[in-house]
Amino acid sequence: MEASHFDAAAAYAAIDRHDENDFRAHFYRTHDYGKTRQETDAGIPEGCFARVVREDPARKGLLYAGTENAAFVSFDEGDHWNSLQLNMPTTSGAGPSGFWTT
């Protein structure tokens, strides 16, 4: 769960359901303190289940997502995701705590 740096009513969540044989990425956002939520996974392929989502602290609408296989970026608050893999090898995007690892 990531609270927005720009909007007190907004937050982002990464839900991992691979233990239930659901290998889709499940990223959600809310703009009304969690009363409603919208799934935002367009552009993330099947098999890349969610690990972590973070909002850039300096640029509104810029999100980063870590999945089991790759890292993704969204410039429109999760409406569309693009791979950050480039020519890097496939690797898990988050450690056991759900935070980015180095």
PDB file of N, CA and C in Angstrom:
ATOM      1  N   MET A   1       0.845  -1.173   0.000  1.00  0.00           N
ATOM      2  CA  MET A   1       0.000   0.000   0.000  1.00  0.00           C
ATOM      3  C   MET A   1       0.889   1.233   0.000  1.00  0.00           C
ATOM      4  N   GLU A   2       0.534   2.189  -0.828  1.00  0.00           N
ATOM      5  CA  GLU A   2       1.306   3.432  -0.946  1.00  0.00           C
ATOM      6  C   GLU A   2       0.354   4.614  -0.905  1.00  0.00           C
ATOM      7  N   ALA A   3       0.481   5.450   0.108  1.00  0.00           N
ATOM      8  CA  ALA A   3      -0.305   6.675   0.174  1.00  0.00           C
ATOM      9  C   ALA A   3       0.282   7.684  -0.804  1.00  0.00           C
ATOM     10  N   SER A   4      -0.576   8.443  -1.454  1.00  0.00           N
ATOM     11  CA  SER A   4      -0.116   9.442  -2.413  1.00  0.00           C
ATOM     12  C   SER A   4       0.639  10.554  -1.706  1.00  0.00           C
ATOM     13  N   HIS A   5       1.650  11.067  -2.388  1.00  0.00           N
ATOM     14  CA  HIS A   5       2.412  12.212  -1.888  1.00  0.00           C
ATOM     15  C   HIS A   5       1.718  13.528  -2.222  1.00  0.00           C
ATOM     16  N   PHE A   6       0.684  13.474  -3.071  1.00  0.00           N
ATOM     17  CA  PHE A   6       0.066  14.691  -3.606  1.00  0.00           C
ATOM     18  C   PHE A   6      -1.399  14.862  -3.256  1.00  0.00           C
ATOM     19  N   ASP A   7      -2.084  13.784  -2.860  1.00  0.00           N
ATOM     20  CA  ASP A   7      -3.526  13.817  -2.633  1.00  0.00           C
ATOM     21  C   ASP A   7      -3.844  12.943  -1.417  1.00  0.00           C
ATOM     22  N   ALA A   8      -4.322  13.542  -0.352  1.00  0.00           N
ATOM     23  CA  ALA A   8      -4.597  12.797   0.879  1.00  0.00           C
ATOM     24  C   ALA A   8      -5.633  11.692   0.686  1.00  0.00           C
ATOM     25  N   ALA A   9      -6.507  11.821  -0.296  1.00  0.00           N
ATOM     26  CA  ALA A   9      -7.561  10.826  -0.532  1.00  0.00           C
ATOM     27  C   ALA A   9      -7.102   9.690  -1.440  1.00  0.00           C
ATOM     28  N   ALA A  10      -5.907   9.796  -2.008  1.00  0.00           N
ATOM     29  CA  ALA A  10      -5.428   8.813  -2.981  1.00  0.00           C
ATOM     30  C   ALA A  10      -4.436   7.832  -2.363  1.00  0.00           C
ATOM     31  N   ALA A  11      -4.477   6.604  -2.862  1.00  0.00           N
ATOM     32  CA  ALA A  11      -3.529   5.567  -2.451  1.00  0.00           C
ATOM     33  C   ALA A  11      -3.452   4.520  -3.553  1.00  0.00           C
ATOM     34  N   TYR A  12      -2.392   3.727  -3.513  1.00  0.00           N
ATOM     35  CA  TYR A  12      -2.139   2.690  -4.513  1.00  0.00           C
ATOM     36  C   TYR A  12      -1.833   1.388  -3.782  1.00  0.00           C
ATOM     37  N   ALA A  13      -2.260   0.280  -4.366  1.00  0.00           N
ATOM     38  CA  ALA A  13      -2.042  -1.020  -3.731  1.00  0.00           C
ATOM     39  C   ALA A  13      -1.598  -2.045  -4.761  1.00  0.00           C
ATOM     40  N   ALA A  14      -0.712  -2.928  -4.340  1.00  0.00           N
ATOM     41  CA  ALA A  14      -0.285  -4.083  -5.133  1.00  0.00           C
ATOM     42  C   ALA A  14      -0.786  -5.318  -4.398  1.00  0.00           C
ATOM     43  N   ILE A  15      -1.560  -6.142  -5.079  1.00  0.00           N
ATOM     44  CA  ILE A  15      -2.137  -7.344  -4.473  1.00  0.00           C
ATOM     45  C   ILE A  15      -1.532  -8.574  -5.144  1.00  0.00           C
ATOM     46  N   ASP A  16      -0.915  -9.421  -4.337  1.00  0.00           N
ATOM     47  CA  ASP A  16      -0.276 -10.656  -4.812  1.00  0.00           C
ATOM     48  C   ASP A  16      -1.210 -11.825  -4.529  1.00  0.00           C
ATOM     49  N   ARG A  17      -1.700 -12.474  -5.590  1.00  0.00           N
ATOM     50  CA  ARG A  17      -2.613 -13.607  -5.437  1.00  0.00           C
ATOM     51  C   ARG A  17      -2.050 -14.888  -6.056  1.00  0.00           C
ATOM     52  N   HIS A  18      -0.731 -14.955  -6.238  1.00  0.00           N
ATOM     53  CA  HIS A  18      -0.180 -16.137  -6.902  1.00  0.00           C
ATOM     54  C   HIS A  18      -0.362 -17.400  -6.072  1.00  0.00           C
ATOM     55  N   ASP A  19      -0.519 -17.274  -4.760  1.00  0.00           N
ATOM     56  CA  ASP A  19      -0.794 -18.450  -3.909  1.00  0.00           C
ATOM     57  C   ASP A  19      -2.154 -19.065  -4.219  1.00  0.00           C
ATOM     58  N   GLU A  20      -3.040 -18.286  -4.840  1.00  0.00           N
ATOM     59  CA  GLU A  20      -4.358 -18.780  -5.253  1.00  0.00           C
ATOM     60  C   GLU A  20      -4.373 -19.131  -6.740  1.00  0.00           C
ATOM     61  N   ASN A  21      -3.195 -19.335  -7.331  1.00  0.00           N
ATOM     62  CA  ASN A  21      -3.044 -19.646  -8.758  1.00  0.00           C
ATOM     63  C   ASN A  21      -3.532 -18.520  -9.660  1.00  0.00           C
ATOM     64  N   ASP A  22      -3.471 -17.298  -9.195  1.00  0.00           N
ATOM     65  CA  ASP A  22      -3.812 -16.119  -9.982  1.00  0.00           C
ATOM     66  C   ASP A  22      -2.503 -15.377 -10.254  1.00  0.00           C
ATOM     67  N   PHE A  23      -1.984 -15.503 -11.456  1.00  0.00           N
ATOM     68  CA  PHE A  23      -0.685 -14.949 -11.799  1.00  0.00           C
ATOM     69  C   PHE A  23      -0.787 -13.631 -12.556  1.00  0.00           C
ATOM     70  N   ARG A  24      -1.939 -12.966 -12.467  1.00  0.00           N
ATOM     71  CA  ARG A  24      -2.111 -11.641 -13.059  1.00  0.00           C
ATOM     72  C   ARG A  24      -1.612 -10.575 -12.084  1.00  0.00           C
ATOM     73  N   ALA A  25      -1.212  -9.454 -12.634  1.00  0.00           N
ATOM     74  CA  ALA A  25      -0.853  -8.305 -11.800  1.00  0.00           C
ATOM     75  C   ALA A  25      -2.134  -7.627 -11.334  1.00  0.00           C
ATOM     76  N   HIS A  26      -2.223  -7.349 -10.055  1.00  0.00           N
ATOM     77  CA  HIS A  26      -3.374  -6.632  -9.508  1.00  0.00           C
ATOM     78  C   HIS A  26      -2.873  -5.373  -8.817  1.00  0.00           C
ATOM     79  N   PHE A  27      -2.972  -4.255  -9.533  1.00  0.00           N
ATOM     80  CA  PHE A  27      -2.642  -2.948  -8.982  1.00  0.00           C
ATOM     81  C   PHE A  27      -3.922  -2.135  -8.936  1.00  0.00           C
ATOM     82  N   TYR A  28      -4.132  -1.440  -7.813  1.00  0.00           N
ATOM     83  CA  TYR A  28      -5.355  -0.668  -7.620  1.00  0.00           C
ATOM     84  C   TYR A  28      -5.008   0.751  -7.188  1.00  0.00           C
ATOM     85  N   ARG A  29      -5.952   1.672  -7.464  1.00  0.00           N
ATOM     86  CA  ARG A  29      -5.828   3.041  -6.971  1.00  0.00           C
ATOM     87  C   ARG A  29      -7.186   3.496  -6.457  1.00  0.00           C
ATOM     88  N   THR A  30      -7.139   4.417  -5.531  1.00  0.00           N
ATOM     89  CA  THR A  30      -8.350   5.040  -5.002  1.00  0.00           C
ATOM     90  C   THR A  30      -8.115   6.543  -4.926  1.00  0.00           C
ATOM     91  N   HIS A  31      -9.199   7.294  -5.075  1.00  0.00           N
ATOM     92  CA  HIS A  31      -9.132   8.749  -4.927  1.00  0.00           C
ATOM     93  C   HIS A  31     -10.156   9.243  -3.902  1.00  0.00           C
ATOM     94  N   ASP A  32     -10.743   8.312  -3.158  1.00  0.00           N
ATOM     95  CA  ASP A  32     -11.774   8.691  -2.188  1.00  0.00           C
ATOM     96  C   ASP A  32     -11.587   7.963  -0.850  1.00  0.00           C
ATOM     97  N   TYR A  33     -10.342   7.910  -0.410  1.00  0.00           N
ATOM     98  CA  TYR A  33      -9.989   7.292   0.873  1.00  0.00           C
ATOM     99  C   TYR A  33     -10.351   5.802   0.932  1.00  0.00           C
ATOM    100  N   GLY A  34     -10.396   5.136  -0.212  1.00  0.00           N
ATOM    101  CA  GLY A  34     -10.643   3.700  -0.244  1.00  0.00           C
ATOM    102  C   GLY A  34     -12.100   3.293  -0.382  1.00  0.00           C
ATOM    103  N   LYS A  35     -13.007   4.248  -0.470  1.00  0.00           N
ATOM    104  CA  LYS A  35     -14.428   3.893  -0.647  1.00  0.00           C
ATOM    105  C   LYS A  35     -14.636   3.121  -1.937  1.00  0.00           C
ATOM    106  N   THR A  36     -13.954   3.547  -2.998  1.00  0.00           N
ATOM    107  CA  THR A  36     -13.987   2.828  -4.273  1.00  0.00           C
ATOM    108  C   THR A  36     -12.546   2.647  -4.727  1.00  0.00           C
ATOM    109  N   ARG A  37     -12.344   1.689  -5.632  1.00  0.00           N
ATOM    110  CA  ARG A  37     -11.009   1.456  -6.167  1.00  0.00           C
ATOM    111  C   ARG A  37     -11.130   1.034  -7.627  1.00  0.00           C
ATOM    112  N   GLN A  38     -10.063   1.265  -8.362  1.00  0.00           N
ATOM    113  CA  GLN A  38     -10.017   0.915  -9.775  1.00  0.00           C
ATOM    114  C   GLN A  38      -8.756   0.094 -10.017  1.00  0.00           C
ATOM    115  N   GLU A  39      -8.921  -1.049 -10.703  1.00  0.00           N
ATOM    116  CA  GLU A  39      -7.757  -1.861 -11.045  1.00  0.00           C
ATOM    117  C   GLU A  39      -7.035  -1.204 -12.212  1.00  0.00           C
ATOM    118  N   THR A  40      -5.712  -1.135 -12.109  1.00  0.00           N
ATOM    119  CA  THR A  40      -4.900  -0.461 -13.116  1.00  0.00           C
ATOM    120  C   THR A  40      -3.750  -1.376 -13.512  1.00  0.00           C
ATOM    121  N   ASP A  41      -4.012  -2.264 -14.458  1.00  0.00           N
ATOM    122  CA  ASP A  41      -2.985  -3.235 -14.848  1.00  0.00           C
ATOM    123  C   ASP A  41      -2.763  -3.297 -16.362  1.00  0.00           C
ATOM    124  N   ALA A  42      -3.268  -2.329 -17.114  1.00  0.00           N
ATOM    125  CA  ALA A  42      -3.135  -2.336 -18.580  1.00  0.00           C
ATOM    126  C   ALA A  42      -1.668  -2.256 -18.982  1.00  0.00           C
ATOM    127  N   GLY A  43      -1.215  -3.231 -19.748  1.00  0.00           N
ATOM    128  CA  GLY A  43       0.156  -3.252 -20.235  1.00  0.00           C
ATOM    129  C   GLY A  43       1.069  -4.212 -19.493  1.00  0.00           C
ATOM    130  N   ILE A  44       0.587  -4.789 -18.410  1.00  0.00           N
ATOM    131  CA  ILE A  44       1.398  -5.757 -17.668  1.00  0.00           C
ATOM    132  C   ILE A  44       0.963  -7.154 -18.091  1.00  0.00           C
ATOM    133  N   PRO A  45       1.882  -7.944 -18.635  1.00  0.00           N
ATOM    134  CA  PRO A  45       1.506  -9.253 -19.182  1.00  0.00           C
ATOM    135  C   PRO A  45       1.143 -10.281 -18.106  1.00  0.00           C
ATOM    136  N   GLU A  46       0.378 -11.276 -18.529  1.00  0.00           N
ATOM    137  CA  GLU A  46       0.022 -12.417 -17.673  1.00  0.00           C
ATOM    138  C   GLU A  46       1.300 -13.059 -17.151  1.00  0.00           C
ATOM    139  N   GLY A  47       1.280 -13.480 -15.916  1.00  0.00           N
ATOM    140  CA  GLY A  47       2.439 -14.135 -15.323  1.00  0.00           C
ATOM    141  C   GLY A  47       3.327 -13.196 -14.532  1.00  0.00           C
ATOM    142  N   CYS A  48       3.107 -11.904 -14.642  1.00  0.00           N
ATOM    143  CA  CYS A  48       3.880 -10.905 -13.896  1.00  0.00           C
ATOM    144  C   CYS A  48       3.069 -10.468 -12.683  1.00  0.00           C
ATOM    145  N   PHE A  49       2.954 -11.348 -11.691  1.00  0.00           N
ATOM    146  CA  PHE A  49       2.103 -10.987 -10.553  1.00  0.00           C
ATOM    147  C   PHE A  49       2.734  -9.894  -9.709  1.00  0.00           C
ATOM    148  N   ALA A  50       1.873  -9.092  -9.088  1.00  0.00           N
ATOM    149  CA  ALA A  50       2.258  -7.870  -8.387  1.00  0.00           C
ATOM    150  C   ALA A  50       3.087  -8.152  -7.144  1.00  0.00           C
ATOM    151  N   ARG A  51       4.067  -7.302  -6.913  1.00  0.00           N
ATOM    152  CA  ARG A  51       4.858  -7.330  -5.689  1.00  0.00           C
ATOM    153  C   ARG A  51       4.808  -5.987  -4.954  1.00  0.00           C
ATOM    154  N   VAL A  52       4.961  -4.876  -5.695  1.00  0.00           N
ATOM    155  CA  VAL A  52       5.039  -3.568  -5.041  1.00  0.00           C
ATOM    156  C   VAL A  52       4.658  -2.466  -6.032  1.00  0.00           C
ATOM    157  N   VAL A  53       4.065  -1.398  -5.520  1.00  0.00           N
ATOM    158  CA  VAL A  53       3.791  -0.202  -6.325  1.00  0.00           C
ATOM    159  C   VAL A  53       4.200   1.011  -5.501  1.00  0.00           C
ATOM    160  N   ARG A  54       4.850   1.974  -6.151  1.00  0.00           N
ATOM    161  CA  ARG A  54       5.296   3.197  -5.484  1.00  0.00           C
ATOM    162  C   ARG A  54       5.012   4.391  -6.380  1.00  0.00           C
ATOM    163  N   GLU A  55       4.671   5.499  -5.731  1.00  0.00           N
ATOM    164  CA  GLU A  55       4.468   6.766  -6.441  1.00  0.00           C
ATOM    165  C   GLU A  55       5.750   7.584  -6.335  1.00  0.00           C
ATOM    166  N   ASP A  56       6.128   8.210  -7.429  1.00  0.00           N
ATOM    167  CA  ASP A  56       7.295   9.081  -7.411  1.00  0.00           C
ATOM    168  C   ASP A  56       7.025  10.255  -6.469  1.00  0.00           C
ATOM    169  N   PRO A  57       7.940  10.563  -5.566  1.00  0.00           N
ATOM    170  CA  PRO A  57       7.665  11.641  -4.601  1.00  0.00           C
ATOM    171  C   PRO A  57       7.734  13.045  -5.192  1.00  0.00           C
ATOM    172  N   ALA A  58       8.278  13.182  -6.407  1.00  0.00           N
ATOM    173  CA  ALA A  58       8.427  14.514  -6.992  1.00  0.00           C
ATOM    174  C   ALA A  58       7.503  14.779  -8.180  1.00  0.00           C
ATOM    175  N   ARG A  59       6.963  13.734  -8.792  1.00  0.00           N
ATOM    176  CA  ARG A  59       6.153  13.932 -10.005  1.00  0.00           C
ATOM    177  C   ARG A  59       4.810  13.227  -9.868  1.00  0.00           C
ATOM    178  N   LYS A  60       3.757  13.999  -9.791  1.00  0.00           N
ATOM    179  CA  LYS A  60       2.407  13.453  -9.683  1.00  0.00           C
ATOM    180  C   LYS A  60       2.068  12.615 -10.915  1.00  0.00           C
ATOM    181  N   GLY A  61       1.439  11.461 -10.697  1.00  0.00           N
ATOM    182  CA  GLY A  61       1.029  10.587 -11.784  1.00  0.00           C
ATOM    183  C   GLY A  61       2.068   9.571 -12.213  1.00  0.00           C
ATOM    184  N   LEU A  62       3.303   9.701 -11.733  1.00  0.00           N
ATOM    185  CA  LEU A  62       4.377   8.783 -12.093  1.00  0.00           C
ATOM    186  C   LEU A  62       4.435   7.657 -11.058  1.00  0.00           C
ATOM    187  N   LEU A  63       4.177   6.434 -11.528  1.00  0.00           N
ATOM    188  CA  LEU A  63       4.176   5.259 -10.648  1.00  0.00           C
ATOM    189  C   LEU A  63       5.191   4.243 -11.127  1.00  0.00           C
ATOM    190  N   TYR A  64       5.729   3.492 -10.168  1.00  0.00           N
ATOM    191  CA  TYR A  64       6.635   2.387 -10.458  1.00  0.00           C
ATOM    192  C   TYR A  64       6.020   1.124  -9.874  1.00  0.00           C
ATOM    193  N   ALA A  65       6.116   0.025 -10.621  1.00  0.00           N
ATOM    194  CA  ALA A  65       5.576  -1.249 -10.153  1.00  0.00           C
ATOM    195  C   ALA A  65       6.639  -2.324 -10.277  1.00  0.00           C
ATOM    196  N   GLY A  66       6.739  -3.135  -9.249  1.00  0.00           N
ATOM    197  CA  GLY A  66       7.604  -4.305  -9.283  1.00  0.00           C
ATOM    198  C   GLY A  66       6.733  -5.540  -9.317  1.00  0.00           C
ATOM    199  N   THR A  67       7.012  -6.430 -10.258  1.00  0.00           N
ATOM    200  CA  THR A  67       6.292  -7.693 -10.352  1.00  0.00           C
ATOM    201  C   THR A  67       7.282  -8.824 -10.115  1.00  0.00           C
ATOM    202  N   GLU A  68       6.807 -10.034 -10.160  1.00  0.00           N
ATOM    203  CA  GLU A  68       7.695 -11.178  -9.959  1.00  0.00           C
ATOM    204  C   GLU A  68       8.773 -11.244 -11.034  1.00  0.00           C
ATOM    205  N   ASN A  69       8.480 -10.735 -12.244  1.00  0.00           N
ATOM    206  CA  ASN A  69       9.404 -10.898 -13.362  1.00  0.00           C
ATOM    207  C   ASN A  69      10.072  -9.625 -13.851  1.00  0.00           C
ATOM    208  N   ALA A  70       9.528  -8.472 -13.532  1.00  0.00           N
ATOM    209  CA  ALA A  70      10.037  -7.255 -14.150  1.00  0.00           C
ATOM    210  C   ALA A  70       9.577  -6.009 -13.403  1.00  0.00           C
ATOM    211  N   ALA A  71      10.130  -4.879 -13.829  1.00  0.00           N
ATOM    212  CA  ALA A  71       9.724  -3.574 -13.313  1.00  0.00           C
ATOM    213  C   ALA A  71       8.984  -2.825 -14.418  1.00  0.00           C
ATOM    214  N   PHE A  72       8.004  -2.016 -14.004  1.00  0.00           N
ATOM    215  CA  PHE A  72       7.178  -1.267 -14.950  1.00  0.00           C
ATOM    216  C   PHE A  72       7.056   0.171 -14.473  1.00  0.00           C
ATOM    217  N   VAL A  73       6.724   1.071 -15.399  1.00  0.00           N
ATOM    218  CA  VAL A  73       6.515   2.477 -15.098  1.00  0.00           C
ATOM    219  C   VAL A  73       5.203   2.921 -15.737  1.00  0.00           C
ATOM    220  N   SER A  74       4.511   3.832 -15.065  1.00  0.00           N
ATOM    221  CA  SER A  74       3.305   4.446 -15.606  1.00  0.00           C
ATOM    222  C   SER A  74       3.427   5.953 -15.445  1.00  0.00           C
ATOM    223  N   PHE A  75       3.162   6.669 -16.528  1.00  0.00           N
ATOM    224  CA  PHE A  75       3.218   8.131 -16.504  1.00  0.00           C
ATOM    225  C   PHE A  75       1.837   8.745 -16.325  1.00  0.00           C
ATOM    226  N   ASP A  76       0.800   7.894 -16.252  1.00  0.00           N
ATOM    227  CA  ASP A  76      -0.578   8.381 -16.143  1.00  0.00           C
ATOM    228  C   ASP A  76      -1.332   7.709 -14.990  1.00  0.00           C
ATOM    229  N   GLU A  77      -0.664   7.606 -13.877  1.00  0.00           N
ATOM    230  CA  GLU A  77      -1.270   7.117 -12.637  1.00  0.00           C
ATOM    231  C   GLU A  77      -1.798   5.680 -12.733  1.00  0.00           C
ATOM    232  N   GLY A  78      -1.155   4.873 -13.579  1.00  0.00           N
ATOM    233  CA  GLY A  78      -1.513   3.467 -13.675  1.00  0.00           C
ATOM    234  C   GLY A  78      -2.460   3.110 -14.800  1.00  0.00           C
ATOM    235  N   ASP A  79      -2.908   4.092 -15.570  1.00  0.00           N
ATOM    236  CA  ASP A  79      -3.795   3.775 -16.695  1.00  0.00           C
ATOM    237  C   ASP A  79      -3.094   2.890 -17.721  1.00  0.00           C
ATOM    238  N   HIS A  80      -1.805   3.139 -17.941  1.00  0.00           N
ATOM    239  CA  HIS A  80      -1.004   2.359 -18.879  1.00  0.00           C
ATOM    240  C   HIS A  80       0.367   2.107 -18.260  1.00  0.00           C
ATOM    241  N   TRP A  81       0.843   0.881 -18.371  1.00  0.00           N
ATOM    242  CA  TRP A  81       2.148   0.505 -17.839  1.00  0.00           C
ATOM    243  C   TRP A  81       3.091   0.153 -18.976  1.00  0.00           C
ATOM    244  N   ASN A  82       4.365   0.504 -18.811  1.00  0.00           N
ATOM    245  CA  ASN A  82       5.413   0.190 -19.786  1.00  0.00           C
ATOM    246  C   ASN A  82       6.549  -0.524 -19.068  1.00  0.00           C
ATOM    247  N   SER A  83       7.142  -1.483 -19.731  1.00  0.00           N
ATOM    248  CA  SER A  83       8.240  -2.245 -19.154  1.00  0.00           C
ATOM    249  C   SER A  83       9.483  -1.380 -18.992  1.00  0.00           C
ATOM    250  N   LEU A  84      10.208  -1.596 -17.907  1.00  0.00           N
ATOM    251  CA  LEU A  84      11.505  -0.951 -17.695  1.00  0.00           C
ATOM    252  C   LEU A  84      12.647  -1.939 -17.910  1.00  0.00           C
ATOM    253  N   GLN A  85      12.358  -3.098 -18.447  1.00  0.00           N
ATOM    254  CA  GLN A  85      13.363  -4.149 -18.549  1.00  0.00           C
ATOM    255  C   GLN A  85      14.497  -3.803 -19.508  1.00  0.00           C
ATOM    256  N   LEU A  86      14.163  -3.186 -20.639  1.00  0.00           N
ATOM    257  CA  LEU A  86      15.149  -2.884 -21.676  1.00  0.00           C
ATOM    258  C   LEU A  86      15.915  -4.153 -22.015  1.00  0.00           C
ATOM    259  N   ASN A  87      17.231  -4.170 -21.878  1.00  0.00           N
ATOM    260  CA  ASN A  87      18.001  -5.375 -22.172  1.00  0.00           C
ATOM    261  C   ASN A  87      18.502  -6.070 -20.905  1.00  0.00           C
ATOM    262  N   MET A  88      17.882  -5.764 -19.773  1.00  0.00           N
ATOM    263  CA  MET A  88      18.297  -6.371 -18.503  1.00  0.00           C
ATOM    264  C   MET A  88      17.671  -7.757 -18.345  1.00  0.00           C
ATOM    265  N   PRO A  89      18.284  -8.617 -17.561  1.00  0.00           N
ATOM    266  CA  PRO A  89      17.723  -9.954 -17.359  1.00  0.00           C
ATOM    267  C   PRO A  89      16.461  -9.898 -16.500  1.00  0.00           C
ATOM    268  N   THR A  90      15.650 -10.927 -16.622  1.00  0.00           N
ATOM    269  CA  THR A  90      14.445 -11.046 -15.809  1.00  0.00           C
ATOM    270  C   THR A  90      14.837 -11.322 -14.367  1.00  0.00           C
ATOM    271  N   THR A  91      14.199 -10.603 -13.436  1.00  0.00           N
ATOM    272  CA  THR A  91      14.476 -10.798 -12.020  1.00  0.00           C
ATOM    273  C   THR A  91      13.279 -10.346 -11.211  1.00  0.00           C
ATOM    274  N   SER A  92      13.182 -10.819  -9.996  1.00  0.00           N
ATOM    275  CA  SER A  92      12.111 -10.395  -9.109  1.00  0.00           C
ATOM    276  C   SER A  92      12.290  -8.927  -8.769  1.00  0.00           C
ATOM    277  N   GLY A  93      11.168  -8.170  -8.737  1.00  0.00           N
ATOM    278  CA  GLY A  93      11.237  -6.731  -8.516  1.00  0.00           C
ATOM    279  C   GLY A  93      11.232  -6.303  -7.064  1.00  0.00           C
ATOM    280  N   ALA A  94      10.968  -7.215  -6.140  1.00  0.00           N
ATOM    281  CA  ALA A  94      10.882  -6.821  -4.741  1.00  0.00           C
ATOM    282  C   ALA A  94      11.380  -7.939  -3.849  1.00  0.00           C
ATOM    283  N   GLY A  95      11.865  -7.543  -2.700  1.00  0.00           N
ATOM    284  CA  GLY A  95      12.319  -8.525  -1.720  1.00  0.00           C
ATOM    285  C   GLY A  95      11.164  -8.982  -0.835  1.00  0.00           C
ATOM    286  N   PRO A  96      11.459  -9.755   0.202  1.00  0.00           N
ATOM    287  CA  PRO A  96      10.424 -10.312   1.064  1.00  0.00           C
ATOM    288  C   PRO A  96       9.549  -9.270   1.744  1.00  0.00           C
ATOM    289  N   SER A  97      10.096  -8.092   2.000  1.00  0.00           N
ATOM    290  CA  SER A  97       9.316  -7.052   2.673  1.00  0.00           C
ATOM    291  C   SER A  97       8.411  -6.300   1.715  1.00  0.00           C
ATOM    292  N   GLY A  98       8.555  -6.526   0.404  1.00  0.00           N
ATOM    293  CA  GLY A  98       7.744  -5.812  -0.579  1.00  0.00           C
ATOM    294  C   GLY A  98       8.354  -4.500  -1.018  1.00  0.00           C
ATOM    295  N   PHE A  99       9.555  -4.177  -0.552  1.00  0.00           N
ATOM    296  CA  PHE A  99      10.235  -2.957  -0.952  1.00  0.00           C
ATOM    297  C   PHE A  99      11.292  -3.293  -1.983  1.00  0.00           C
ATOM    298  N   TRP A 100      11.625  -2.305  -2.810  1.00  0.00           N
ATOM    299  CA  TRP A 100      12.658  -2.515  -3.833  1.00  0.00           C
ATOM    300  C   TRP A 100      13.954  -2.922  -3.162  1.00  0.00           C
ATOM    301  N   THR A 101      14.666  -3.854  -3.781  1.00  0.00           N
ATOM    302  CA  THR A 101      15.955  -4.299  -3.255  1.00  0.00           C
ATOM    303  C   THR A 101      17.046  -3.911  -4.231  1.00  0.00           C
ATOM    304  N   THR A 102      18.261  -3.854  -3.731  1.00  0.00           N
ATOM    305  CA  THR A 102      19.395  -3.532  -4.596  1.00  0.00           C
ATOM    306  C   THR A 102      20.394  -4.645  -4.562  1.00  0.00           C
TER     307      THR A 102
END
